[in-house]
């Protein structure tokens, strides 16, 4: 895997950033397919609702999709999301981490974002990977794991 920490993403100000700029402690990267769709909204709101508990553990949440900054801003405002959203419009980070995968819907195959998450330490090392997560229960699953994984 190439050094995914240097891959350029776009923040809500429209500036190019890399994940290295966000590593001040532990970080939860969660990838989701599309802003303001039922599963993605459920997952985002679940993280929003427990973000204070996650922050208290020293962990920052970053949600990432290929959606535009305009879409992210609307999504963040509409649901009062209290964590960072970054755009990966060319899905370079998603490809580097294996999140960009072949999917199928009604017999049609296409490439898209698989719902996955990663817990990173302060140096960007992946300490836990979640594949094919359930948007209804994932936030609580992550919180429980963080309480077990992180140093007291």
C-alpha atoms as a PDB file:
ATOM      1  CA  UNK A   1       0.000   0.000   0.000  1.00  0.00           C
ATOM      2  CA  UNK A   2       1.468   3.347  -0.972  1.00  0.00           C
ATOM      3  CA  UNK A   3       1.661   6.026   1.685  1.00  0.00           C
ATOM      4  CA  UNK A   4      -1.993   6.942   1.927  1.00  0.00           C
ATOM      5  CA  UNK A   5      -1.288   9.729   4.427  1.00  0.00           C
ATOM      6  CA  UNK A   6       0.064  11.976   1.641  1.00  0.00           C
ATOM      7  CA  UNK A   7      -2.865  11.569  -0.761  1.00  0.00           C
ATOM      8  CA  UNK A   8      -4.582  14.894  -1.374  1.00  0.00           C
ATOM      9  CA  UNK A   9      -8.199  15.323  -0.315  1.00  0.00           C
ATOM     10  CA  UNK A  10     -10.377  18.432  -0.272  1.00  0.00           C
ATOM     11  CA  UNK A  11     -11.669  19.987   2.955  1.00  0.00           C
ATOM     12  CA  UNK A  12     -14.852  22.015   3.402  1.00  0.00           C
ATOM     13  CA  UNK A  13     -12.977  25.247   2.634  1.00  0.00           C
ATOM     14  CA  UNK A  14     -12.062  23.809  -0.772  1.00  0.00           C
ATOM     15  CA  UNK A  15      -8.376  23.500   0.164  1.00  0.00           C
ATOM     16  CA  UNK A  16      -6.251  20.475  -0.645  1.00  0.00           C
ATOM     17  CA  UNK A  17      -5.184  18.632   2.501  1.00  0.00           C
ATOM     18  CA  UNK A  18      -3.642  15.308   3.435  1.00  0.00           C
ATOM     19  CA  UNK A  19      -4.496  13.075   6.364  1.00  0.00           C
ATOM     20  CA  UNK A  20      -1.128  13.896   7.946  1.00  0.00           C
ATOM     21  CA  UNK A  21      -2.549  17.323   8.752  1.00  0.00           C
ATOM     22  CA  UNK A  22      -5.287  15.744  10.873  1.00  0.00           C
ATOM     23  CA  UNK A  23      -3.209  13.277  12.894  1.00  0.00           C
ATOM     24  CA  UNK A  24      -3.049  14.918  16.296  1.00  0.00           C
ATOM     25  CA  UNK A  25      -3.968  11.754  18.141  1.00  0.00           C
ATOM     26  CA  UNK A  26      -6.072   8.757  17.234  1.00  0.00           C
ATOM     27  CA  UNK A  27      -8.357   9.160  14.223  1.00  0.00           C
ATOM     28  CA  UNK A  28     -11.381   7.294  12.964  1.00  0.00           C
ATOM     29  CA  UNK A  29     -11.649   7.443   9.172  1.00  0.00           C
ATOM     30  CA  UNK A  30     -15.030   6.309   7.998  1.00  0.00           C
ATOM     31  CA  UNK A  31     -15.825   5.967   4.323  1.00  0.00           C
ATOM     32  CA  UNK A  32     -19.379   6.160   3.078  1.00  0.00           C
ATOM     33  CA  UNK A  33     -20.948   6.043  -0.397  1.00  0.00           C
ATOM     34  CA  UNK A  34     -23.097   9.203  -0.674  1.00  0.00           C
ATOM     35  CA  UNK A  35     -24.196  12.247   1.314  1.00  0.00           C
ATOM     36  CA  UNK A  36     -27.821  12.439   2.444  1.00  0.00           C
ATOM     37  CA  UNK A  37     -28.827   8.887   1.550  1.00  0.00           C
ATOM     38  CA  UNK A  38     -30.619   6.738   4.144  1.00  0.00           C
ATOM     39  CA  UNK A  39     -27.747   4.478   5.295  1.00  0.00           C
ATOM     40  CA  UNK A  40     -25.118   7.207   5.134  1.00  0.00           C
ATOM     41  CA  UNK A  41     -27.321   9.627   7.069  1.00  0.00           C
ATOM     42  CA  UNK A  42     -28.022   7.007   9.739  1.00  0.00           C
ATOM     43  CA  UNK A  43     -24.307   6.318  10.141  1.00  0.00           C
ATOM     44  CA  UNK A  44     -23.315  10.018  10.175  1.00  0.00           C
ATOM     45  CA  UNK A  45     -25.969  10.921  12.748  1.00  0.00           C
ATOM     46  CA  UNK A  46     -24.904   8.001  14.942  1.00  0.00           C
ATOM     47  CA  UNK A  47     -21.324   9.303  14.944  1.00  0.00           C
ATOM     48  CA  UNK A  48     -22.619  12.836  15.585  1.00  0.00           C
ATOM     49  CA  UNK A  49     -24.576  11.655  18.614  1.00  0.00           C
ATOM     50  CA  UNK A  50     -21.590   9.969  20.288  1.00  0.00           C
ATOM     51  CA  UNK A  51     -18.853  12.299  19.067  1.00  0.00           C
ATOM     52  CA  UNK A  52     -18.376  13.881  22.508  1.00  0.00           C
ATOM     53  CA  UNK A  53     -17.639  10.420  23.968  1.00  0.00           C
ATOM     54  CA  UNK A  54     -15.229   9.639  21.130  1.00  0.00           C
ATOM     55  CA  UNK A  55     -13.486  13.008  21.496  1.00  0.00           C
ATOM     56  CA  UNK A  56     -13.151  12.378  25.254  1.00  0.00           C
ATOM     57  CA  UNK A  57     -11.112   9.272  24.334  1.00  0.00           C
ATOM     58  CA  UNK A  58      -8.778  11.469  22.266  1.00  0.00           C
ATOM     59  CA  UNK A  59     -10.124  10.361  18.886  1.00  0.00           C
ATOM     60  CA  UNK A  60     -11.139  12.588  15.964  1.00  0.00           C
ATOM     61  CA  UNK A  61     -13.720  11.439  13.432  1.00  0.00           C
ATOM     62  CA  UNK A  62     -13.308  12.132   9.717  1.00  0.00           C
ATOM     63  CA  UNK A  63     -15.998  11.120   7.245  1.00  0.00           C
ATOM     64  CA  UNK A  64     -14.856  10.650   3.635  1.00  0.00           C
ATOM     65  CA  UNK A  65     -16.746  10.181   0.385  1.00  0.00           C
ATOM     66  CA  UNK A  66     -16.266  11.184  -3.233  1.00  0.00           C
ATOM     67  CA  UNK A  67     -19.074  13.735  -2.986  1.00  0.00           C
ATOM     68  CA  UNK A  68     -18.381  17.395  -3.748  1.00  0.00           C
ATOM     69  CA  UNK A  69     -17.645  20.006  -1.108  1.00  0.00           C
ATOM     70  CA  UNK A  70     -21.008  21.640  -1.902  1.00  0.00           C
ATOM     71  CA  UNK A  71     -22.749  18.342  -1.153  1.00  0.00           C
ATOM     72  CA  UNK A  72     -20.697  17.848   2.042  1.00  0.00           C
ATOM     73  CA  UNK A  73     -21.553  21.347   3.272  1.00  0.00           C
ATOM     74  CA  UNK A  74     -25.293  20.762   2.767  1.00  0.00           C
ATOM     75  CA  UNK A  75     -25.064  17.339   4.461  1.00  0.00           C
ATOM     76  CA  UNK A  76     -23.102  18.715   7.429  1.00  0.00           C
ATOM     77  CA  UNK A  77     -25.463  21.656   7.897  1.00  0.00           C
ATOM     78  CA  UNK A  78     -28.699  19.686   7.431  1.00  0.00           C
ATOM     79  CA  UNK A  79     -27.777  17.094  10.077  1.00  0.00           C
ATOM     80  CA  UNK A  80     -25.602  19.338  12.285  1.00  0.00           C
ATOM     81  CA  UNK A  81     -22.637  16.996  11.921  1.00  0.00           C
ATOM     82  CA  UNK A  82     -19.931  17.842  14.464  1.00  0.00           C
ATOM     83  CA  UNK A  83     -16.913  16.266  12.785  1.00  0.00           C
ATOM     84  CA  UNK A  84     -14.796  16.795   9.687  1.00  0.00           C
ATOM     85  CA  UNK A  85     -15.935  15.712   6.224  1.00  0.00           C
ATOM     86  CA  UNK A  86     -13.362  15.402   3.440  1.00  0.00           C
ATOM     87  CA  UNK A  87     -13.897  14.867  -0.255  1.00  0.00           C
ATOM     88  CA  UNK A  88     -11.972  12.241  -2.234  1.00  0.00           C
ATOM     89  CA  UNK A  89     -13.388  13.127  -5.682  1.00  0.00           C
ATOM     90  CA  UNK A  90     -10.995  10.932  -7.662  1.00  0.00           C
ATOM     91  CA  UNK A  91     -11.244   8.154  -5.038  1.00  0.00           C
ATOM     92  CA  UNK A  92      -7.443   7.976  -4.742  1.00  0.00           C
ATOM     93  CA  UNK A  93      -7.476   7.436  -0.972  1.00  0.00           C
ATOM     94  CA  UNK A  94     -10.303   4.939  -1.324  1.00  0.00           C
ATOM     95  CA  UNK A  95      -8.296   2.984  -3.897  1.00  0.00           C
ATOM     96  CA  UNK A  96      -5.156   3.053  -1.720  1.00  0.00           C
ATOM     97  CA  UNK A  97      -7.084   1.613   1.238  1.00  0.00           C
ATOM     98  CA  UNK A  98      -9.163  -0.895  -0.746  1.00  0.00           C
ATOM     99  CA  UNK A  99     -12.427   0.953  -0.163  1.00  0.00           C
ATOM    100  CA  UNK A 100     -13.127   1.533  -3.897  1.00  0.00           C
ATOM    101  CA  UNK A 101     -14.553  -1.822  -4.978  1.00  0.00           C
ATOM    102  CA  UNK A 102     -16.795  -3.487  -7.490  1.00  0.00           C
ATOM    103  CA  UNK A 103     -20.392  -3.419  -6.325  1.00  0.00           C
ATOM    104  CA  UNK A 104     -23.599  -4.653  -7.873  1.00  0.00           C
ATOM    105  CA  UNK A 105     -27.163  -3.408  -7.824  1.00  0.00           C
ATOM    106  CA  UNK A 106     -30.043  -5.119  -9.621  1.00  0.00           C
ATOM    107  CA  UNK A 107     -27.628  -7.175 -11.686  1.00  0.00           C
ATOM    108  CA  UNK A 108     -25.545  -4.186 -12.763  1.00  0.00           C
ATOM    109  CA  UNK A 109     -21.886  -4.113 -11.743  1.00  0.00           C
ATOM    110  CA  UNK A 110     -20.087  -0.828 -11.094  1.00  0.00           C
ATOM    111  CA  UNK A 111     -17.225   0.607  -9.032  1.00  0.00           C
ATOM    112  CA  UNK A 112     -18.107   2.444  -5.850  1.00  0.00           C
ATOM    113  CA  UNK A 113     -17.332   3.157  -2.231  1.00  0.00           C
ATOM    114  CA  UNK A 114     -17.629   0.227   0.137  1.00  0.00           C
ATOM    115  CA  UNK A 115     -18.743   1.277   3.617  1.00  0.00           C
ATOM    116  CA  UNK A 116     -15.515   0.790   5.637  1.00  0.00           C
ATOM    117  CA  UNK A 117     -13.734   2.404   8.584  1.00  0.00           C
ATOM    118  CA  UNK A 118     -10.211   2.538   9.970  1.00  0.00           C
ATOM    119  CA  UNK A 119      -8.824   3.531  13.353  1.00  0.00           C
ATOM    120  CA  UNK A 120      -5.410   5.165  13.002  1.00  0.00           C
ATOM    121  CA  UNK A 121      -2.875   5.932  15.694  1.00  0.00           C
ATOM    122  CA  UNK A 122      -1.130   9.326  15.919  1.00  0.00           C
ATOM    123  CA  UNK A 123       1.471   8.232  13.341  1.00  0.00           C
ATOM    124  CA  UNK A 124      -1.142   7.047  10.850  1.00  0.00           C
ATOM    125  CA  UNK A 125      -0.723   3.326  11.458  1.00  0.00           C
ATOM    126  CA  UNK A 126      -3.968   1.398  10.976  1.00  0.00           C
ATOM    127  CA  UNK A 127      -4.773  -0.317  14.261  1.00  0.00           C
ATOM    128  CA  UNK A 128      -8.262  -1.565  13.350  1.00  0.00           C
ATOM    129  CA  UNK A 129     -10.144  -2.020  10.078  1.00  0.00           C
ATOM    130  CA  UNK A 130     -13.898  -2.485   9.699  1.00  0.00           C
ATOM    131  CA  UNK A 131     -15.297  -3.920   6.475  1.00  0.00           C
ATOM    132  CA  UNK A 132     -18.910  -3.918   5.248  1.00  0.00           C
ATOM    133  CA  UNK A 133     -20.184  -2.158   8.347  1.00  0.00           C
ATOM    134  CA  UNK A 134     -23.795  -1.850   9.430  1.00  0.00           C
ATOM    135  CA  UNK A 135     -24.682   1.868   9.418  1.00  0.00           C
ATOM    136  CA  UNK A 136     -27.173   1.405  12.275  1.00  0.00           C
ATOM    137  CA  UNK A 137     -24.734  -0.174  14.739  1.00  0.00           C
ATOM    138  CA  UNK A 138     -21.279   0.882  13.558  1.00  0.00           C
ATOM    139  CA  UNK A 139     -20.825   3.981  15.742  1.00  0.00           C
ATOM    140  CA  UNK A 140     -21.544   2.021  18.932  1.00  0.00           C
ATOM    141  CA  UNK A 141     -19.264  -0.795  17.738  1.00  0.00           C
ATOM    142  CA  UNK A 142     -16.433   1.694  17.193  1.00  0.00           C
ATOM    143  CA  UNK A 143     -16.973   3.349  20.586  1.00  0.00           C
ATOM    144  CA  UNK A 144     -16.861  -0.031  22.364  1.00  0.00           C
ATOM    145  CA  UNK A 145     -13.689  -1.009  20.487  1.00  0.00           C
ATOM    146  CA  UNK A 146     -11.994   2.322  21.207  1.00  0.00           C
ATOM    147  CA  UNK A 147     -12.581   1.826  24.931  1.00  0.00           C
ATOM    148  CA  UNK A 148     -10.817  -1.546  24.684  1.00  0.00           C
ATOM    149  CA  UNK A 149      -8.043  -0.619  22.232  1.00  0.00           C
ATOM    150  CA  UNK A 150      -6.805   2.712  23.509  1.00  0.00           C
ATOM    151  CA  UNK A 151      -4.384   3.130  26.382  1.00  0.00           C
ATOM    152  CA  UNK A 152      -6.017   4.179  29.609  1.00  0.00           C
END
